[in-house]
Protein backbone atom coordinates (compact mmCIF):
# COMPACT_ATOMS: atom_id res chain seq x y z
CA MET A 1 -0.21 -0.07 0.04
CA ARG A 2 2.71 2.56 0.79
CA ARG A 3 4.54 1.89 -2.29
CA SER A 4 1.30 2.28 -4.27
CA LEU A 5 0.61 5.65 -2.47
CA THR A 6 4.10 6.76 -3.25
CA LEU A 7 4.18 5.98 -7.02
CA LEU A 8 0.41 7.55 -7.07
CA ALA A 9 1.95 10.71 -5.63
CA LEU A 10 4.73 10.74 -8.13
CA LEU A 11 2.73 10.15 -10.89
CA LEU A 12 0.25 13.06 -9.84
CA ALA A 13 3.02 15.50 -9.33
CA CYS A 14 4.56 14.75 -12.83
CA ASN A 15 1.28 15.11 -14.48
CA ARG A 16 -0.19 18.02 -13.02
CA PRO A 17 0.65 21.03 -15.31
CA LYS A 18 2.82 23.70 -13.23
CA PRO A 19 0.98 27.18 -12.64
CA SER A 20 2.88 30.05 -14.32
CA LEU A 21 2.79 33.60 -14.46
CA GLU A 22 3.21 35.44 -18.06
CA VAL A 23 4.37 38.95 -18.17
CA LEU A 24 4.65 40.89 -21.30
CA VAL A 25 6.36 44.38 -21.45
CA GLU A 26 5.96 46.86 -23.81
CA GLY A 27 8.98 47.33 -26.10
CA GLU A 28 10.37 43.82 -25.03
CA ALA A 29 12.60 42.52 -28.01
CA ALA A 30 10.64 39.56 -29.38
CA GLY A 31 10.07 37.82 -25.78
CA ALA A 32 13.99 37.80 -25.20
CA GLY A 33 13.37 39.67 -21.73
CA GLU A 34 15.56 42.88 -23.15
CA LEU A 35 14.55 46.33 -23.15
CA ASP A 36 16.53 49.04 -25.00
CA PHE A 37 16.73 52.42 -22.95
CA THR A 38 18.84 54.17 -25.39
CA GLY A 39 18.40 57.98 -25.08
CA THR A 40 16.75 58.11 -21.49
CA PRO A 41 16.28 61.51 -20.61
CA TYR A 42 17.98 62.92 -17.29
CA GLY A 43 15.35 63.15 -14.64
CA GLY A 44 12.56 62.02 -16.45
CA LEU A 45 9.99 59.28 -16.34
CA ARG A 46 9.65 56.31 -18.50
CA THR A 47 6.05 54.11 -18.72
CA LEU A 48 5.82 50.90 -20.15
CA GLU A 49 2.47 49.17 -20.38
CA VAL A 50 2.54 45.37 -18.76
CA ARG A 51 0.11 42.66 -19.60
CA LEU A 52 -0.30 39.93 -17.13
CA ALA A 53 -1.67 36.55 -17.43
CA SER A 54 -1.76 33.88 -14.20
CA SER A 55 -2.65 30.16 -14.31
CA TYR A 56 -2.32 29.81 -10.38
CA PRO A 57 -5.53 28.82 -8.66
CA LYS A 58 -5.19 31.65 -6.13
CA PRO A 59 -4.74 35.25 -6.19
CA LEU A 60 -1.59 37.18 -7.03
CA ARG A 61 -0.34 40.45 -5.62
CA LEU A 62 2.12 41.64 -7.85
CA GLU A 63 5.04 44.38 -7.20
CA VAL A 64 8.07 45.29 -9.04
CA ARG A 65 11.93 45.63 -7.76
CA LEU A 66 14.90 46.88 -9.27
CA GLU A 67 17.79 44.31 -9.09
CA ASP A 68 21.22 45.34 -7.81
CA PRO A 69 23.36 47.00 -8.58
CA VAL A 70 20.28 49.86 -8.82
CA PRO A 71 21.63 53.02 -10.98
CA THR A 72 21.56 56.08 -8.61
CA GLY A 73 18.31 57.93 -8.30
CA MET A 74 16.37 54.87 -10.37
CA THR A 75 13.14 53.87 -9.16
CA ALA A 76 10.09 51.60 -10.26
CA ARG A 77 6.45 51.06 -9.57
CA LEU A 78 3.48 49.59 -10.86
CA ASP A 79 0.50 51.86 -11.51
CA PRO A 80 -2.04 50.99 -10.58
CA PRO A 81 -1.09 48.27 -8.11
CA VAL A 82 -2.38 45.11 -9.44
CA GLU A 83 -3.87 41.87 -7.90
CA LEU A 84 -4.65 39.00 -10.15
CA LEU A 85 -7.69 37.00 -9.93
CA PRO A 86 -7.05 33.03 -9.64
CA ARG A 87 -6.44 32.26 -13.06
CA GLY A 88 -6.79 35.73 -14.12
CA SER A 89 -5.32 38.49 -16.47
CA GLY A 90 -4.78 42.35 -16.34
CA ARG A 91 -2.76 45.36 -17.49
CA THR A 92 -0.81 47.94 -15.70
CA VAL A 93 1.68 50.32 -16.23
CA LEU A 94 5.39 50.00 -15.20
CA VAL A 95 6.72 53.72 -14.21
CA LEU A 96 10.44 54.05 -14.25
CA ARG A 97 12.10 57.01 -13.10
CA SER A 98 15.54 57.85 -14.77
CA PRO A 99 18.70 57.53 -13.25
CA SER A 100 20.12 60.72 -11.77
CA VAL A 101 23.51 60.41 -13.38
CA VAL A 102 24.43 60.84 -16.96
CA GLY A 103 26.04 58.00 -18.94
CA ALA A 104 25.70 54.20 -20.12
CA ILE A 105 23.10 52.27 -17.78
CA ALA A 106 22.46 48.46 -17.69
CA GLY A 107 20.59 46.12 -15.12
CA ALA A 108 17.37 44.43 -14.63
CA PHE A 109 13.96 44.48 -12.83
CA THR A 110 11.61 41.76 -11.77
CA ILE A 111 7.88 41.56 -11.29
CA TYR A 112 6.88 39.39 -8.73
CA CYS A 113 4.41 37.93 -6.27
CA PRO A 114 5.84 38.55 -2.73
CA ASP A 115 3.62 35.30 -1.47
CA GLU A 116 4.44 32.95 -4.38
CA ALA A 117 8.18 32.73 -5.04
CA SER A 118 7.66 30.84 -8.53
CA ALA A 119 5.59 33.71 -9.88
CA SER A 120 7.98 35.95 -11.14
CA ALA A 121 9.50 37.46 -14.44
CA THR A 122 12.85 39.47 -14.70
CA PHE A 123 13.50 41.74 -17.65
CA ARG A 124 16.83 43.25 -18.61
CA TYR A 125 17.73 46.73 -19.92
CA ARG A 126 20.55 48.63 -21.36
CA GLY A 127 20.88 51.93 -22.72
CA ASP A 128 22.08 55.48 -21.61
CA VAL A 129 20.85 58.63 -19.81
CA VAL A 130 21.24 61.59 -21.70
CA LYS A 131 21.27 65.29 -20.65
CA GLN A 132 21.13 67.97 -23.48
CA VAL A 133 20.09 71.50 -24.32
CA GLN A 134 16.46 71.09 -25.31
CA SER A 135 16.74 73.23 -28.41
CA GLY A 136 13.55 73.54 -30.61
CA PRO A 137 10.08 72.32 -29.55
CA PHE A 138 10.25 70.13 -26.55
CA VAL A 139 7.13 68.79 -24.74
CA HIS A 140 6.79 67.25 -21.29
CA PHE A 141 3.68 65.49 -19.99
CA ASP A 142 3.17 65.94 -16.34
CA PRO A 143 2.29 62.99 -15.54
CA SER A 144 2.37 60.78 -18.56
CA SER A 145 0.33 58.23 -16.58
CA VAL A 146 -2.72 59.10 -14.32
CA ASN A 147 -4.01 56.73 -11.95
CA VAL A 148 -7.82 57.46 -10.60
CA GLY A 149 -7.48 54.72 -7.87
CA LYS A 150 -9.96 52.02 -7.05
CA VAL A 151 -13.47 52.71 -8.16
CA ARG A 152 -16.68 50.94 -8.36
CA PRO A 153 -18.24 49.70 -11.77
CA GLY A 154 -19.29 52.43 -13.87
CA ASP A 155 -18.09 55.26 -11.61
CA GLU A 156 -17.04 58.26 -13.29
CA ARG A 157 -13.85 59.92 -12.16
CA PRO A 158 -12.06 63.18 -13.10
CA PHE A 159 -8.55 63.46 -13.91
CA VAL A 160 -6.12 66.24 -14.99
CA PHE A 161 -2.57 66.43 -16.57
CA ALA A 162 -0.28 69.24 -17.90
CA VAL A 163 1.16 69.76 -21.32
CA ARG A 164 4.56 71.81 -20.83
CA ALA A 165 6.71 73.53 -23.46
CA VAL A 166 10.27 72.80 -22.22
CA GLY A 167 12.35 73.78 -25.36
CA THR A 168 13.18 76.91 -26.95
CA GLU A 169 10.02 76.82 -29.29
CA ALA A 170 6.73 76.81 -28.66
CA ILE A 171 4.47 73.51 -28.83
CA GLU A 172 1.65 72.91 -31.09
CA ILE A 173 -1.03 70.44 -30.03
CA LEU A 174 -2.11 69.21 -33.41
CA ASP A 175 -4.67 66.50 -32.31
CA ALA A 176 -5.74 64.98 -28.87
CA ALA A 177 -8.29 62.42 -29.23
CA PRO A 178 -9.29 59.43 -26.58
CA GLU A 179 -8.72 55.92 -27.73
CA ASP A 180 -12.28 54.84 -26.46
CA PRO A 181 -14.77 57.98 -26.41
CA ARG A 182 -17.31 55.73 -24.59
CA ARG A 183 -14.80 55.39 -21.45
CA LEU A 184 -13.10 58.42 -21.58
CA ALA A 185 -13.87 62.21 -22.60
CA LEU A 186 -12.22 65.55 -22.50
CA ARG A 187 -13.96 68.60 -21.04
CA GLU A 188 -12.20 70.81 -23.86
CA SER A 189 -10.09 69.44 -26.48
CA PRO A 190 -6.77 71.02 -26.59
CA ALA A 191 -6.30 70.40 -30.24
CA GLY A 192 -4.96 73.44 -31.88
CA ALA A 193 -3.83 74.93 -28.66
CA ARG A 194 -0.33 76.67 -28.83
CA ILE A 195 2.00 76.70 -25.62
CA VAL A 196 4.79 79.24 -25.51
CA PRO A 197 8.12 78.16 -24.13
CA GLY A 198 8.26 77.71 -20.46
CA GLY A 199 4.39 77.71 -20.65
CA GLU A 200 1.89 74.92 -20.06
CA LEU A 201 -1.70 73.64 -20.54
CA GLN A 202 -4.01 71.88 -18.18
CA VAL A 203 -6.09 69.24 -19.76
CA ASN A 204 -9.22 68.02 -17.67
CA GLY A 205 -11.02 64.90 -18.44
CA LEU A 206 -13.50 62.29 -17.10
CA VAL A 207 -12.92 58.55 -17.24
CA ARG A 208 -15.77 56.19 -16.76
CA ALA A 209 -14.72 52.85 -15.34
CA PRO A 210 -15.61 49.43 -16.91
CA ASP A 211 -18.35 47.14 -15.73
CA THR A 212 -15.96 44.39 -14.89
CA ALA A 213 -13.70 44.29 -12.09
CA GLY A 214 -9.94 44.27 -12.33
CA ALA A 215 -7.51 46.87 -13.56
CA PHE A 216 -7.81 49.05 -16.58
CA VAL A 217 -6.14 51.47 -18.74
CA GLU A 218 -7.58 54.00 -21.13
CA ARG A 219 -5.34 56.19 -23.53
CA ILE A 220 -5.70 59.65 -24.76
CA ARG A 221 -3.58 60.06 -28.10
CA ILE A 222 -1.91 63.21 -28.43
CA ALA A 223 0.05 64.67 -31.82
CA THR A 224 2.36 67.70 -31.13
CA ASN A 225 5.05 69.26 -33.36
CA SER A 226 7.62 68.44 -30.77
CA THR A 227 10.96 67.15 -31.66
CA ASN A 228 11.27 64.59 -28.69
CA GLN A 229 7.69 63.09 -28.45
CA PRO A 230 5.60 64.15 -31.81
CA ARG A 231 3.00 61.10 -30.51
CA VAL A 232 2.23 60.11 -27.11
CA ASP A 233 -0.54 57.87 -25.28
CA VAL A 234 -1.26 59.73 -22.03
CA ARG A 235 -2.59 56.89 -19.89
CA VAL A 236 -5.48 56.81 -17.36
CA SER A 237 -5.70 53.92 -15.31
CA GLY A 238 -7.42 52.58 -12.49
CA GLU A 239 -8.84 49.37 -10.61
CA VAL A 240 -12.28 48.61 -10.78
CA MET A 241 -13.59 46.70 -7.31
CA PRO A 242 -16.10 43.79 -7.83
CA ARG A 243 -19.39 44.37 -6.38
CA TYR A 244 -19.43 40.83 -5.32
CA GLU A 245 -16.31 38.98 -5.00
CA PRO A 246 -16.24 35.14 -5.19
CA ILE A 247 -13.66 33.36 -3.20
CA PRO A 248 -13.45 29.55 -3.65
CA GLN A 249 -13.10 27.72 -0.09
CA ALA A 250 -11.96 23.83 0.27
CA LEU A 251 -12.17 23.01 -3.33
CA ALA A 252 -9.61 20.15 -4.20
CA ASP A 253 -7.69 20.26 -7.64
CA GLN A 254 -8.46 16.61 -8.00
CA PRO A 255 -11.52 15.59 -6.32
CA VAL A 256 -12.22 11.72 -5.70
CA ARG A 257 -15.86 11.10 -7.04
CA SER A 258 -16.67 8.26 -4.83
CA LEU A 259 -15.74 10.48 -1.85
CA ARG A 260 -18.39 13.07 -2.93
CA PRO A 261 -16.45 15.79 -1.24
CA GLU A 262 -18.01 19.22 -0.79
CA ALA A 263 -16.81 22.50 -2.00
CA ALA A 264 -17.71 25.97 -1.26
CA VAL A 265 -17.54 29.59 -2.40
CA ARG A 266 -17.66 32.63 -0.19
CA LEU A 267 -19.35 35.56 -1.84
CA LYS A 268 -18.41 39.04 -0.35
CA ALA A 269 -20.22 42.38 -0.90
CA GLY A 270 -17.95 45.14 -2.31
CA PRO A 271 -17.37 48.64 -0.83
CA GLY A 272 -20.86 50.45 -0.58
CA GLU A 273 -23.02 47.29 -1.37
CA ALA A 274 -25.86 46.49 0.56
CA PRO A 275 -26.45 43.14 2.56
CA PHE A 276 -27.58 40.55 0.10
CA THR A 277 -28.71 36.87 -0.36
CA VAL A 278 -28.08 34.42 -2.87
CA ALA A 279 -31.25 33.91 -4.94
CA SER A 280 -29.94 31.11 -6.98
CA ALA A 281 -26.90 29.03 -8.13
CA THR A 282 -26.99 27.60 -11.62
CA GLY A 283 -24.47 26.02 -13.90
CA GLY A 284 -22.27 22.77 -13.18
CA GLU A 285 -25.31 20.74 -12.54
CA GLY A 286 -23.42 17.83 -14.17
CA TRP A 287 -20.72 18.00 -11.49
CA PHE A 288 -22.24 19.34 -8.23
CA GLU A 289 -25.55 19.43 -6.42
CA LEU A 290 -26.50 22.36 -4.38
CA VAL A 291 -26.16 21.99 -0.52
CA SER A 292 -26.92 25.34 0.75
CA ARG A 293 -27.05 29.00 -0.91
CA GLY A 294 -26.17 30.59 2.61
CA SER A 295 -28.21 32.28 5.00
CA GLU A 296 -31.80 33.65 4.36
CA THR A 297 -30.94 36.67 6.08
CA PRO A 298 -29.30 39.45 4.22
CA ALA A 299 -25.62 39.84 4.84
CA GLU A 300 -22.19 41.19 3.65
CA GLU A 301 -21.14 37.71 3.26
CA GLN A 302 -22.65 34.26 2.16
CA GLU A 303 -21.38 31.04 1.73
CA VAL A 304 -22.60 28.91 -1.13
CA ARG A 305 -21.93 25.01 -0.75
CA PHE A 306 -21.91 22.23 -3.21
CA ARG A 307 -21.11 18.48 -3.16
CA LEU A 308 -19.75 16.42 -5.86
CA ARG A 309 -22.29 14.42 -7.73
CA ALA A 310 -21.81 10.48 -7.78
CA ASP A 311 -22.07 10.37 -11.52
CA ALA A 312 -19.66 13.61 -12.12
CA PRO A 313 -17.72 12.92 -15.35
CA VAL A 314 -14.39 11.60 -14.81
CA GLY A 315 -11.47 13.77 -16.20
CA ARG A 316 -10.57 17.32 -16.48
CA SER A 317 -13.46 19.86 -16.94
CA ALA A 318 -13.86 23.63 -17.04
CA PHE A 319 -17.21 25.35 -16.63
CA ARG A 320 -18.96 28.32 -14.73
CA ILE A 321 -21.40 28.46 -11.71
CA VAL A 322 -23.64 31.66 -11.70
CA LEU A 323 -24.75 33.10 -8.34
CA ARG A 324 -27.65 35.43 -8.62
CA VAL A 325 -27.35 38.13 -5.89
CA ALA A 326 -30.55 39.61 -4.54
CA PRO A 327 -32.15 42.19 -4.39
CA ALA A 328 -29.57 43.78 -6.72
CA GLY A 329 -30.20 40.99 -9.39
CA VAL A 330 -26.54 40.79 -10.30
CA ASP A 331 -24.85 37.65 -11.71
CA VAL A 332 -21.67 36.89 -10.17
CA VAL A 333 -19.82 34.04 -12.37
CA TRP A 334 -17.48 31.44 -10.51
CA PRO A 335 -15.11 29.92 -12.98
CA VAL A 336 -14.40 26.11 -11.99
CA GLU A 337 -11.66 23.89 -13.20
CA LEU A 338 -11.84 20.35 -11.99
CA ASP A 339 -10.00 17.00 -12.89
CA VAL A 340 -12.46 14.54 -11.30
CA ARG A 341 -10.73 10.96 -10.33
CA PRO A 342 -12.45 7.67 -10.21
CA ASN A 343 -12.16 5.64 -7.25
CA ILE A 344 -9.71 3.01 -8.53
CA VAL A 345 -6.74 3.89 -10.90
CA ALA A 346 -4.21 1.98 -12.44
CA ILE A 347 -0.30 3.17 -11.83
CA PRO A 348 0.90 3.75 -14.18
CA PRO A 349 -2.23 4.75 -16.14
CA ARG A 350 -0.78 3.87 -19.73
CA LEU A 351 1.88 1.29 -20.59
CA LEU A 352 4.81 2.31 -23.21
CA PRO A 353 7.11 -1.03 -23.29
CA GLN A 354 9.71 -1.61 -25.61
CA ALA A 355 11.22 -5.14 -26.24
CA ARG A 356 13.79 -6.71 -28.53
CA ARG A 357 12.59 -9.36 -30.81
CA GLY A 358 12.62 -12.62 -29.35
CA THR A 359 12.92 -11.53 -25.82
CA THR A 360 10.06 -10.68 -23.15
CA VAL A 361 9.43 -7.62 -20.77
CA THR A 362 7.67 -7.80 -18.02
CA LEU A 363 5.96 -4.90 -16.21
CA ARG A 364 3.81 -4.23 -13.09
CA VAL A 365 0.64 -2.16 -12.82
CA ASP A 366 -0.56 -1.36 -9.29
CA LEU A 367 -4.43 -0.89 -8.70
CA HIS A 368 -5.19 1.84 -6.05
CA SER A 369 -8.55 2.65 -4.55
CA TYR A 370 -8.69 6.31 -3.28
CA ALA A 371 -11.43 5.42 -0.84
CA GLN A 372 -9.41 2.67 0.50
CA LYS A 373 -11.93 0.24 0.30
CA PRO A 374 -11.44 -3.59 -0.73
CA PHE A 375 -12.30 -4.46 -4.07
CA ARG A 376 -12.04 -7.40 -6.38
CA VAL A 377 -11.24 -7.60 -9.87
CA LEU A 378 -13.85 -9.88 -11.43
CA GLU A 379 -12.24 -10.30 -15.08
CA VAL A 380 -9.00 -9.24 -16.88
CA ARG A 381 -9.46 -8.85 -20.47
CA PRO A 382 -5.79 -8.74 -21.99
CA PRO A 383 -4.93 -7.86 -25.65
CA PRO A 384 -3.64 -10.58 -27.77
CA PHE A 385 -0.10 -9.38 -27.94
CA LEU A 386 0.53 -9.54 -24.02
CA ARG A 387 0.17 -11.76 -20.94
CA VAL A 388 -1.56 -10.33 -18.00
CA GLU A 389 -1.69 -12.19 -14.66
CA LEU A 390 -3.68 -10.96 -11.62
CA LYS A 391 -1.96 -10.93 -8.42
CA GLU A 392 -3.93 -10.67 -5.33
CA HIS A 393 -2.34 -10.78 -1.68
CA PRO A 394 -5.24 -9.54 0.69
CA PRO A 395 -5.67 -7.10 2.40
CA LEU A 396 -3.10 -5.43 -0.05
CA PRO A 397 -4.66 -4.33 -3.49
CA PRO A 398 -4.34 -6.49 -6.17
CA TYR A 399 -1.80 -5.66 -9.21
CA LEU A 400 -0.85 -7.03 -12.61
CA SER A 401 1.93 -8.76 -13.92
CA VAL A 402 2.11 -7.56 -17.68
CA SER A 403 4.69 -9.31 -19.92
CA SER A 404 5.10 -9.22 -23.74
CA THR A 405 5.23 -12.53 -25.64
CA ALA A 406 8.79 -13.47 -27.08
CA GLY A 407 7.41 -14.53 -30.60
CA GLN A 408 5.99 -11.15 -31.76
CA PRO A 409 7.13 -9.94 -35.19
CA LYS A 410 8.73 -6.52 -35.17
CA GLY A 411 6.15 -3.61 -35.20
CA VAL A 412 4.09 -1.29 -32.87
CA TYR A 413 1.05 -2.85 -31.15
CA ASP A 414 -1.43 -0.39 -29.37
CA ASP A 415 -4.93 -1.94 -29.74
CA PRO A 416 -7.09 -3.13 -27.92
CA PRO A 417 -5.97 -1.73 -24.10
CA ILE A 418 -6.03 -4.07 -21.17
CA GLU A 419 -9.44 -4.21 -19.92
CA LEU A 420 -10.38 -4.69 -16.19
CA LEU A 421 -13.93 -5.64 -14.78
CA THR A 422 -14.22 -4.82 -10.94
CA ASP A 423 -17.05 -5.16 -8.16
CA ASP A 424 -16.60 -1.32 -7.46
CA PRO A 425 -19.79 0.50 -8.38
CA ASP A 426 -17.76 3.88 -8.97
CA THR A 427 -15.22 1.91 -11.14
CA PRO A 428 -16.97 -0.99 -12.80
CA ARG A 429 -14.35 -0.95 -15.74
CA ILE A 430 -10.79 0.01 -16.22
CA LEU A 431 -9.18 0.59 -19.49
CA ILE A 432 -5.18 0.49 -19.65
CA PRO A 433 -4.05 1.69 -23.09
CA VAL A 434 -0.82 0.04 -24.10
CA ARG A 435 1.72 0.91 -27.03
CA LEU A 436 4.18 -1.98 -27.37
CA GLU A 437 6.82 -1.70 -29.62
CA ILE A 438 9.09 -4.72 -30.62
CA VAL A 439 12.28 -3.74 -32.04
CA ASP A 440 15.20 -5.77 -33.75
């Protein structure tokens, strides 16, 4: 039994895909993790859009750090701060303050999760910091990225930024338009404005937050006659807080069907939301049956409980459970990924033997019960190119001794599989695929 459990643990560890964090930074050289900082202005800010995708089954709070040695005066931050939902994605902006020294620079920065060591991505940069007389029409945006903070879905927030003429000639704003006018509006378009050297123009606007939770970034595309930045995207960002946040509780990654484990999701009301009840829970009927929708008394937090069905499909599945919140009438979607296991499994679950012609190869296949209940193999149906012998040593689980036949000609044999019939009601039939290769 101990050996079976050990083999099972090793098999599951090898087959389970490792979660990952994907990070894409604007300007990265073809996914090589390298950025070109040539011509970085002395004392200025550099903003880079960052796209993120996580396959971790838990939330990830991400931060950024500059790796040693850090150029003097250089700083980094994520604006807005970002926390990815389980298996979620999002966008933010990396804001880098230029070093306070002139000359060549090289180094690295890492975007990482403080609570998960494996969730990180490191990028290298190389370039130089320049300080020069700004002769001609030079423009500076202060700030070039505006963060309106945490907002509720659909909220409208004002923002302001300044356009400055920092060169020896006037700046003319040729065009200024939001990328998405439905989400962002300027109180008065600065297009056609002329800013004298040393002067500035304040631009006021209003951004409407999306209806979906998570970080968001909107852009204002501005064209000027400037030498340094003729076309610039001023970013307006923030984070939409969910009206109601689903937090999964006690959900196993690989539940065993015969044990019928329970799963739960805790639903929390966001800031400013009234106490609520869960009117219904739909979706996932083929996998779960509802145990409880929580309390009938409105509260700021409810727990909905489910139990795995006895006839849930075996294998990996993905589906959504929709929780209807009352009295708001809001649907909250809980994405679920399951890898349902039958009670009895074969270890290994697939055989790939190779033998030289005229010789035999013998393999052992252990049979393991997750429920740790005794079971019997009623019948063994081997393929014609294998000898399969059932070994029984109660109270230990049975196992199979599988051997190739010495007289098989050269070739590949993979049909039919080994078939077992058992007295277990959850797993009455087990198929073990085989691919036998006979070589010279």
